[in-house]
Amino acid sequence: MREIRNPFAGMPGYHCFGCSPDNVQGLKMSFAEEGDELVCSWTPDAHFAGYGGILHGGIQAALHDEAASWIVFTKMHTAGVTERLEIDYRNPVRMDLGNIILRSKLENTEGNKAYIRSRLFDGKGKLGSESLAIFFTLPQHIARKRMSFPEDPSAFFK
């Protein structure tokens, strides 16, 4: 596995709910590359719970959405915005079973659209939810200008 670096960390105004390491209320997600997948091992804080110690469905949606955006960053070497996110909740995701694992993969591209599949597993490896995200991707020069995308896409890799 190859660790992914967050080149946005420390930038003025960067407070992403999903991936900023400095957002005290955020998810603080980080990623590693394993073949054609990105993998996130994530430990939920208690305030992300729904009823009965189950990971809140909206938080699961945010995890899927953020993972898809990092696929666009690292696999497509640009930035984009979510056009659609479809989630199937398969099983309750208990928060007391250890780290939650999210695996994401670029499935297909059509023009400026990226189709990204993600699967979220509980701490025992049971599938909790899966998603298909459709991202509208930007040309690199626009991503740099409007979304602070790095000049050198290798900035994501250590």
N, C-alpha and C. Protein backbone atom coordinates (compact mmCIF):
# COMPACT_ATOMS: atom_id res chain seq x y z
N MET A 1 0.83 -1.18 0.00
CA MET A 1 0.00 0.00 0.00
C MET A 1 0.87 1.24 0.00
N ARG A 2 0.44 2.24 -0.75
CA ARG A 2 1.17 3.50 -0.82
C ARG A 2 0.30 4.60 -0.20
N GLU A 3 0.86 5.29 0.79
CA GLU A 3 0.15 6.34 1.48
C GLU A 3 -0.08 7.53 0.56
N ILE A 4 -1.28 8.12 0.65
CA ILE A 4 -1.62 9.31 -0.11
C ILE A 4 -1.40 10.52 0.80
N ARG A 5 -0.76 11.54 0.26
CA ARG A 5 -0.49 12.78 0.98
C ARG A 5 -1.62 13.76 0.71
N ASN A 6 -1.99 14.56 1.70
CA ASN A 6 -3.00 15.58 1.52
C ASN A 6 -2.31 16.92 1.25
N PRO A 7 -2.19 17.33 -0.02
CA PRO A 7 -1.47 18.57 -0.33
C PRO A 7 -2.24 19.84 0.05
N PHE A 8 -3.51 19.69 0.44
CA PHE A 8 -4.31 20.85 0.82
C PHE A 8 -4.11 21.23 2.29
N ALA A 9 -3.63 20.27 3.09
CA ALA A 9 -3.46 20.50 4.53
C ALA A 9 -2.58 21.72 4.77
N GLY A 10 -3.04 22.58 5.64
CA GLY A 10 -2.29 23.79 5.98
C GLY A 10 -2.59 24.98 5.09
N MET A 11 -3.37 24.79 4.02
CA MET A 11 -3.70 25.93 3.15
C MET A 11 -4.70 26.84 3.87
N PRO A 12 -4.55 28.16 3.74
CA PRO A 12 -5.53 29.08 4.34
C PRO A 12 -6.93 28.79 3.80
N GLY A 13 -7.91 28.74 4.70
CA GLY A 13 -9.29 28.53 4.32
C GLY A 13 -9.69 27.09 4.06
N TYR A 14 -8.76 26.17 4.25
CA TYR A 14 -9.05 24.75 4.00
C TYR A 14 -9.62 24.11 5.26
N HIS A 15 -10.92 23.82 5.24
CA HIS A 15 -11.61 23.23 6.39
C HIS A 15 -12.52 22.09 5.96
N CYS A 16 -12.13 21.34 4.94
CA CYS A 16 -12.99 20.30 4.39
C CYS A 16 -13.51 19.38 5.49
N PHE A 17 -14.83 19.17 5.53
CA PHE A 17 -15.44 18.28 6.52
C PHE A 17 -14.91 16.86 6.37
N GLY A 18 -14.63 16.45 5.15
CA GLY A 18 -14.20 15.08 4.91
C GLY A 18 -12.74 14.81 5.20
N CYS A 19 -11.86 15.68 4.73
CA CYS A 19 -10.44 15.31 4.76
C CYS A 19 -9.49 16.27 5.46
N SER A 20 -9.97 17.40 5.95
CA SER A 20 -9.06 18.29 6.65
C SER A 20 -8.63 17.68 7.98
N PRO A 21 -7.33 17.55 8.20
CA PRO A 21 -6.88 17.01 9.49
C PRO A 21 -7.08 18.00 10.63
N ASP A 22 -7.43 19.24 10.31
CA ASP A 22 -7.57 20.28 11.33
C ASP A 22 -9.02 20.65 11.64
N ASN A 23 -9.98 20.06 10.96
CA ASN A 23 -11.39 20.33 11.23
C ASN A 23 -11.81 19.47 12.41
N VAL A 24 -11.95 20.08 13.60
CA VAL A 24 -12.21 19.30 14.82
C VAL A 24 -13.53 18.57 14.78
N GLN A 25 -14.48 19.03 13.96
CA GLN A 25 -15.77 18.35 13.85
C GLN A 25 -15.84 17.44 12.63
N GLY A 26 -14.78 17.42 11.83
CA GLY A 26 -14.80 16.70 10.57
C GLY A 26 -14.43 15.22 10.70
N LEU A 27 -14.40 14.58 9.55
CA LEU A 27 -14.11 13.14 9.47
C LEU A 27 -12.60 12.85 9.52
N LYS A 28 -11.79 13.79 9.07
CA LYS A 28 -10.32 13.64 9.08
C LYS A 28 -9.86 12.39 8.34
N MET A 29 -10.46 12.15 7.20
CA MET A 29 -10.14 10.96 6.41
C MET A 29 -8.75 11.09 5.79
N SER A 30 -8.09 9.95 5.68
CA SER A 30 -6.83 9.85 4.95
C SER A 30 -6.88 8.56 4.14
N PHE A 31 -6.01 8.49 3.12
CA PHE A 31 -6.13 7.40 2.15
C PHE A 31 -4.79 6.77 1.85
N ALA A 32 -4.87 5.55 1.34
CA ALA A 32 -3.71 4.84 0.81
C ALA A 32 -4.16 4.21 -0.51
N GLU A 33 -3.20 4.02 -1.38
CA GLU A 33 -3.47 3.41 -2.68
C GLU A 33 -3.07 1.94 -2.61
N GLU A 34 -3.97 1.09 -3.06
CA GLU A 34 -3.70 -0.35 -3.13
C GLU A 34 -4.15 -0.81 -4.51
N GLY A 35 -3.20 -0.91 -5.42
CA GLY A 35 -3.54 -1.24 -6.81
C GLY A 35 -4.39 -0.14 -7.41
N ASP A 36 -5.54 -0.49 -7.96
CA ASP A 36 -6.40 0.53 -8.57
C ASP A 36 -7.45 1.07 -7.58
N GLU A 37 -7.35 0.68 -6.32
CA GLU A 37 -8.28 1.16 -5.30
C GLU A 37 -7.62 2.16 -4.36
N LEU A 38 -8.44 3.04 -3.81
CA LEU A 38 -8.04 3.84 -2.66
C LEU A 38 -8.69 3.22 -1.45
N VAL A 39 -7.94 3.17 -0.36
CA VAL A 39 -8.43 2.57 0.87
C VAL A 39 -8.35 3.60 1.99
N CYS A 40 -9.40 3.67 2.76
CA CYS A 40 -9.42 4.54 3.93
C CYS A 40 -9.76 3.68 5.14
N SER A 41 -8.90 3.71 6.14
CA SER A 41 -9.19 3.07 7.42
C SER A 41 -9.54 4.20 8.37
N TRP A 42 -10.76 4.17 8.91
CA TRP A 42 -11.30 5.32 9.63
C TRP A 42 -11.90 4.89 10.96
N THR A 43 -11.56 5.62 12.00
CA THR A 43 -12.11 5.37 13.33
C THR A 43 -13.13 6.45 13.65
N PRO A 44 -14.40 6.09 13.79
CA PRO A 44 -15.43 7.11 14.03
C PRO A 44 -15.41 7.63 15.46
N ASP A 45 -15.61 8.93 15.60
CA ASP A 45 -15.81 9.54 16.92
C ASP A 45 -17.27 9.32 17.32
N ALA A 46 -17.53 9.38 18.60
CA ALA A 46 -18.88 9.11 19.13
C ALA A 46 -19.94 10.03 18.52
N HIS A 47 -19.58 11.25 18.18
CA HIS A 47 -20.60 12.19 17.67
C HIS A 47 -21.04 11.87 16.24
N PHE A 48 -20.52 10.82 15.63
CA PHE A 48 -20.96 10.39 14.30
C PHE A 48 -22.00 9.27 14.37
N ALA A 49 -22.43 8.95 15.58
CA ALA A 49 -23.38 7.85 15.77
C ALA A 49 -24.81 8.26 15.44
N GLY A 50 -25.53 7.29 14.95
CA GLY A 50 -26.98 7.38 14.87
C GLY A 50 -27.50 6.67 16.11
N TYR A 51 -28.68 6.14 16.03
CA TYR A 51 -29.29 5.44 17.16
C TYR A 51 -28.54 4.15 17.48
N GLY A 52 -28.34 3.88 18.75
CA GLY A 52 -27.83 2.59 19.20
C GLY A 52 -26.40 2.27 18.82
N GLY A 53 -25.56 3.27 18.65
CA GLY A 53 -24.16 3.01 18.33
C GLY A 53 -23.91 2.60 16.89
N ILE A 54 -24.88 2.88 16.03
CA ILE A 54 -24.76 2.58 14.60
C ILE A 54 -24.26 3.85 13.90
N LEU A 55 -23.31 3.70 12.97
CA LEU A 55 -22.81 4.83 12.21
C LEU A 55 -23.96 5.47 11.43
N HIS A 56 -24.14 6.76 11.61
CA HIS A 56 -25.24 7.50 10.98
C HIS A 56 -25.16 7.37 9.45
N GLY A 57 -26.28 7.18 8.82
CA GLY A 57 -26.33 7.03 7.36
C GLY A 57 -25.83 8.25 6.61
N GLY A 58 -26.08 9.43 7.14
CA GLY A 58 -25.57 10.64 6.49
C GLY A 58 -24.05 10.72 6.55
N ILE A 59 -23.47 10.23 7.64
CA ILE A 59 -22.02 10.19 7.75
C ILE A 59 -21.47 9.17 6.77
N GLN A 60 -22.15 8.04 6.61
CA GLN A 60 -21.72 7.07 5.61
C GLN A 60 -21.73 7.70 4.22
N ALA A 61 -22.76 8.48 3.92
CA ALA A 61 -22.83 9.15 2.62
C ALA A 61 -21.65 10.11 2.45
N ALA A 62 -21.31 10.84 3.50
CA ALA A 62 -20.18 11.77 3.42
C ALA A 62 -18.87 11.01 3.19
N LEU A 63 -18.71 9.87 3.85
CA LEU A 63 -17.51 9.05 3.65
C LEU A 63 -17.39 8.59 2.20
N HIS A 64 -18.49 8.10 1.65
CA HIS A 64 -18.50 7.65 0.25
C HIS A 64 -18.18 8.82 -0.69
N ASP A 65 -18.79 9.96 -0.46
CA ASP A 65 -18.59 11.12 -1.32
C ASP A 65 -17.14 11.60 -1.28
N GLU A 66 -16.56 11.67 -0.10
CA GLU A 66 -15.18 12.12 0.03
C GLU A 66 -14.21 11.14 -0.63
N ALA A 67 -14.45 9.86 -0.44
CA ALA A 67 -13.58 8.86 -1.07
C ALA A 67 -13.62 8.99 -2.59
N ALA A 68 -14.80 9.24 -3.14
CA ALA A 68 -14.92 9.40 -4.59
C ALA A 68 -14.13 10.62 -5.07
N SER A 69 -14.17 11.70 -4.30
CA SER A 69 -13.43 12.89 -4.72
C SER A 69 -11.93 12.63 -4.74
N TRP A 70 -11.44 11.81 -3.82
CA TRP A 70 -10.01 11.50 -3.80
C TRP A 70 -9.62 10.56 -4.94
N ILE A 71 -10.55 9.77 -5.43
CA ILE A 71 -10.29 9.00 -6.67
C ILE A 71 -10.07 9.98 -7.82
N VAL A 72 -10.91 11.01 -7.91
CA VAL A 72 -10.75 12.01 -8.98
C VAL A 72 -9.39 12.69 -8.85
N PHE A 73 -9.02 13.09 -7.63
CA PHE A 73 -7.72 13.73 -7.42
C PHE A 73 -6.56 12.84 -7.86
N THR A 74 -6.55 11.61 -7.36
CA THR A 74 -5.36 10.77 -7.50
C THR A 74 -5.33 9.91 -8.77
N LYS A 75 -6.46 9.51 -9.26
CA LYS A 75 -6.50 8.65 -10.44
C LYS A 75 -6.72 9.41 -11.74
N MET A 76 -7.42 10.55 -11.64
CA MET A 76 -7.72 11.34 -12.83
C MET A 76 -6.88 12.61 -12.90
N HIS A 77 -6.17 12.91 -11.82
CA HIS A 77 -5.26 14.06 -11.75
C HIS A 77 -5.95 15.39 -12.01
N THR A 78 -7.13 15.53 -11.41
CA THR A 78 -7.88 16.78 -11.49
C THR A 78 -8.84 16.84 -10.30
N ALA A 79 -9.72 17.80 -10.33
CA ALA A 79 -10.76 17.92 -9.30
C ALA A 79 -12.11 17.89 -9.98
N GLY A 80 -13.14 17.79 -9.19
CA GLY A 80 -14.49 17.78 -9.73
C GLY A 80 -15.51 18.00 -8.63
N VAL A 81 -16.76 17.89 -9.02
CA VAL A 81 -17.86 18.05 -8.06
C VAL A 81 -18.82 16.88 -8.22
N THR A 82 -19.48 16.55 -7.13
CA THR A 82 -20.43 15.45 -7.14
C THR A 82 -21.66 15.82 -7.95
N GLU A 83 -21.96 15.00 -8.93
CA GLU A 83 -23.20 15.18 -9.69
C GLU A 83 -24.31 14.32 -9.10
N ARG A 84 -23.95 13.11 -8.71
CA ARG A 84 -24.94 12.18 -8.14
C ARG A 84 -24.23 11.21 -7.22
N LEU A 85 -24.93 10.84 -6.15
CA LEU A 85 -24.41 9.84 -5.23
C LEU A 85 -25.56 8.90 -4.88
N GLU A 86 -25.41 7.64 -5.26
CA GLU A 86 -26.42 6.62 -4.96
C GLU A 86 -25.82 5.66 -3.94
N ILE A 87 -26.53 5.46 -2.84
CA ILE A 87 -26.02 4.60 -1.77
C ILE A 87 -27.02 3.51 -1.47
N ASP A 88 -26.51 2.30 -1.33
CA ASP A 88 -27.30 1.18 -0.86
C ASP A 88 -26.78 0.82 0.53
N TYR A 89 -27.64 0.91 1.51
CA TYR A 89 -27.28 0.53 2.88
C TYR A 89 -27.61 -0.95 3.04
N ARG A 90 -26.58 -1.76 3.22
CA ARG A 90 -26.73 -3.21 3.26
C ARG A 90 -26.94 -3.77 4.66
N ASN A 91 -26.15 -3.26 5.61
CA ASN A 91 -26.20 -3.76 6.99
C ASN A 91 -25.86 -2.61 7.93
N PRO A 92 -26.39 -2.65 9.17
CA PRO A 92 -25.99 -1.63 10.14
C PRO A 92 -24.48 -1.69 10.38
N VAL A 93 -23.88 -0.53 10.54
CA VAL A 93 -22.44 -0.44 10.77
C VAL A 93 -22.23 -0.03 12.23
N ARG A 94 -21.92 -1.02 13.05
CA ARG A 94 -21.68 -0.75 14.46
C ARG A 94 -20.34 -0.02 14.61
N MET A 95 -20.34 0.96 15.48
CA MET A 95 -19.15 1.78 15.65
C MET A 95 -18.16 1.20 16.66
N ASP A 96 -18.55 0.19 17.39
CA ASP A 96 -17.69 -0.35 18.45
C ASP A 96 -16.92 -1.60 18.01
N LEU A 97 -16.83 -1.85 16.71
CA LEU A 97 -16.18 -3.06 16.22
C LEU A 97 -14.79 -2.81 15.64
N GLY A 98 -14.28 -1.60 15.80
CA GLY A 98 -12.96 -1.28 15.27
C GLY A 98 -13.06 -0.37 14.06
N ASN A 99 -11.93 -0.20 13.39
CA ASN A 99 -11.86 0.72 12.25
C ASN A 99 -12.80 0.31 11.13
N ILE A 100 -13.41 1.30 10.54
CA ILE A 100 -14.25 1.13 9.37
C ILE A 100 -13.34 1.26 8.15
N ILE A 101 -13.54 0.39 7.18
CA ILE A 101 -12.72 0.39 5.97
C ILE A 101 -13.58 0.78 4.78
N LEU A 102 -13.06 1.71 4.01
CA LEU A 102 -13.73 2.15 2.79
C LEU A 102 -12.80 1.87 1.62
N ARG A 103 -13.33 1.21 0.58
CA ARG A 103 -12.54 0.89 -0.62
C ARG A 103 -13.25 1.51 -1.81
N SER A 104 -12.50 2.28 -2.61
CA SER A 104 -13.08 3.00 -3.74
C SER A 104 -12.28 2.75 -5.00
N LYS A 105 -12.99 2.78 -6.13
CA LYS A 105 -12.34 2.45 -7.41
C LYS A 105 -13.03 3.21 -8.54
N LEU A 106 -12.23 3.73 -9.46
CA LEU A 106 -12.76 4.34 -10.68
C LEU A 106 -13.27 3.22 -11.56
N GLU A 107 -14.56 3.25 -11.84
CA GLU A 107 -15.18 2.19 -12.64
C GLU A 107 -15.19 2.51 -14.13
N ASN A 108 -15.44 3.79 -14.45
CA ASN A 108 -15.60 4.15 -15.85
C ASN A 108 -15.54 5.68 -15.98
N THR A 109 -15.22 6.14 -17.17
CA THR A 109 -15.34 7.56 -17.48
C THR A 109 -16.09 7.70 -18.79
N GLU A 110 -16.86 8.76 -18.90
CA GLU A 110 -17.55 9.13 -20.14
C GLU A 110 -17.44 10.63 -20.27
N GLY A 111 -16.60 11.09 -21.17
CA GLY A 111 -16.38 12.53 -21.31
C GLY A 111 -15.81 13.09 -20.02
N ASN A 112 -16.50 14.07 -19.45
CA ASN A 112 -16.02 14.67 -18.21
C ASN A 112 -16.70 14.07 -16.97
N LYS A 113 -17.31 12.92 -17.11
CA LYS A 113 -17.95 12.25 -15.97
C LYS A 113 -17.13 11.04 -15.54
N ALA A 114 -16.98 10.92 -14.22
CA ALA A 114 -16.29 9.77 -13.63
C ALA A 114 -17.30 8.98 -12.81
N TYR A 115 -17.28 7.67 -12.98
CA TYR A 115 -18.17 6.76 -12.25
C TYR A 115 -17.31 5.99 -11.26
N ILE A 116 -17.61 6.18 -9.97
CA ILE A 116 -16.75 5.65 -8.91
C ILE A 116 -17.57 4.78 -7.97
N ARG A 117 -17.10 3.57 -7.75
CA ARG A 117 -17.74 2.63 -6.82
C ARG A 117 -16.98 2.62 -5.51
N SER A 118 -17.73 2.61 -4.42
CA SER A 118 -17.13 2.51 -3.09
C SER A 118 -17.90 1.51 -2.25
N ARG A 119 -17.16 0.84 -1.37
CA ARG A 119 -17.76 -0.11 -0.43
C ARG A 119 -17.24 0.21 0.96
N LEU A 120 -18.14 0.23 1.93
CA LEU A 120 -17.81 0.53 3.32
C LEU A 120 -18.05 -0.72 4.16
N PHE A 121 -17.02 -1.11 4.92
CA PHE A 121 -17.07 -2.32 5.73
C PHE A 121 -16.94 -1.96 7.21
N ASP A 122 -17.66 -2.70 8.05
CA ASP A 122 -17.52 -2.48 9.50
C ASP A 122 -16.21 -3.09 9.99
N GLY A 123 -15.93 -2.94 11.27
CA GLY A 123 -14.68 -3.41 11.86
C GLY A 123 -14.48 -4.91 11.82
N LYS A 124 -15.49 -5.66 11.48
CA LYS A 124 -15.37 -7.11 11.34
C LYS A 124 -15.35 -7.54 9.87
N GLY A 125 -15.35 -6.56 8.96
CA GLY A 125 -15.27 -6.88 7.53
C GLY A 125 -16.60 -7.10 6.84
N LYS A 126 -17.70 -6.84 7.53
CA LYS A 126 -19.02 -7.01 6.94
C LYS A 126 -19.41 -5.77 6.15
N LEU A 127 -19.92 -5.97 4.92
CA LEU A 127 -20.33 -4.86 4.08
C LEU A 127 -21.48 -4.09 4.74
N GLY A 128 -21.27 -2.79 4.93
CA GLY A 128 -22.30 -1.95 5.53
C GLY A 128 -23.07 -1.16 4.47
N SER A 129 -22.34 -0.59 3.52
CA SER A 129 -22.98 0.18 2.46
C SER A 129 -22.07 0.21 1.24
N GLU A 130 -22.68 0.49 0.09
CA GLU A 130 -21.91 0.64 -1.14
C GLU A 130 -22.54 1.75 -1.95
N SER A 131 -21.72 2.37 -2.80
CA SER A 131 -22.22 3.53 -3.53
C SER A 131 -21.69 3.57 -4.95
N LEU A 132 -22.40 4.35 -5.75
CA LEU A 132 -21.94 4.77 -7.05
C LEU A 132 -21.98 6.28 -7.03
N ALA A 133 -20.83 6.91 -7.20
CA ALA A 133 -20.75 8.36 -7.29
C ALA A 133 -20.46 8.73 -8.74
N ILE A 134 -21.15 9.74 -9.20
CA ILE A 134 -20.88 10.30 -10.52
C ILE A 134 -20.33 11.69 -10.27
N PHE A 135 -19.10 11.90 -10.73
CA PHE A 135 -18.44 13.19 -10.56
C PHE A 135 -18.32 13.90 -11.89
N PHE A 136 -18.60 15.19 -11.88
CA PHE A 136 -18.33 16.06 -13.02
C PHE A 136 -16.91 16.55 -12.82
N THR A 137 -16.01 16.15 -13.70
CA THR A 137 -14.59 16.51 -13.55
C THR A 137 -14.26 17.76 -14.35
N LEU A 138 -13.28 18.48 -13.87
CA LEU A 138 -12.87 19.73 -14.49
C LEU A 138 -11.55 19.55 -15.23
N PRO A 139 -11.34 20.30 -16.29
CA PRO A 139 -10.00 20.31 -16.89
C PRO A 139 -9.00 20.77 -15.82
N GLN A 140 -7.79 20.25 -15.89
CA GLN A 140 -6.78 20.54 -14.87
C GLN A 140 -6.55 22.03 -14.67
N HIS A 141 -6.50 22.81 -15.74
CA HIS A 141 -6.22 24.24 -15.57
C HIS A 141 -7.33 24.94 -14.80
N ILE A 142 -8.56 24.50 -14.95
CA ILE A 142 -9.67 25.07 -14.19
C ILE A 142 -9.63 24.57 -12.75
N ALA A 143 -9.31 23.31 -12.56
CA ALA A 143 -9.19 22.76 -11.19
C ALA A 143 -8.12 23.50 -10.40
N ARG A 144 -7.02 23.86 -11.05
CA ARG A 144 -5.96 24.63 -10.38
C ARG A 144 -6.45 26.02 -9.99
N LYS A 145 -7.14 26.66 -10.93
CA LYS A 145 -7.57 28.04 -10.72
C LYS A 145 -8.70 28.15 -9.69
N ARG A 146 -9.68 27.27 -9.77
CA ARG A 146 -10.89 27.40 -8.94
C ARG A 146 -10.89 26.53 -7.69
N MET A 147 -10.11 25.45 -7.69
CA MET A 147 -10.21 24.50 -6.59
C MET A 147 -8.87 24.19 -5.93
N SER A 148 -7.87 25.01 -6.17
CA SER A 148 -6.54 24.88 -5.55
C SER A 148 -5.89 23.52 -5.82
N PHE A 149 -6.22 22.92 -6.96
CA PHE A 149 -5.58 21.66 -7.31
C PHE A 149 -4.09 21.91 -7.53
N PRO A 150 -3.22 21.03 -7.03
CA PRO A 150 -1.77 21.26 -7.14
C PRO A 150 -1.29 21.32 -8.59
N GLU A 151 -0.29 22.14 -8.82
CA GLU A 151 0.34 22.23 -10.14
C GLU A 151 0.90 20.88 -10.57
N ASP A 152 1.44 20.15 -9.60
CA ASP A 152 2.04 18.84 -9.88
C ASP A 152 1.19 17.76 -9.21
N PRO A 153 0.43 16.95 -9.98
CA PRO A 153 -0.42 15.92 -9.40
C PRO A 153 0.34 14.88 -8.56
N SER A 154 1.66 14.78 -8.73
CA SER A 154 2.42 13.84 -7.90
C SER A 154 2.49 14.31 -6.45
N ALA A 155 1.99 15.53 -6.17
CA ALA A 155 1.97 16.05 -4.80
C ALA A 155 1.13 15.17 -3.86
N PHE A 156 0.27 14.31 -4.42
CA PHE A 156 -0.56 13.43 -3.61
C PHE A 156 0.19 12.19 -3.11
N PHE A 157 1.34 11.94 -3.69
CA PHE A 157 2.07 10.72 -3.37
C PHE A 157 3.35 11.03 -2.63
N LYS A 158 3.58 10.29 -1.58
CA LYS A 158 4.76 10.52 -0.73
C LYS A 158 5.99 9.91 -1.34
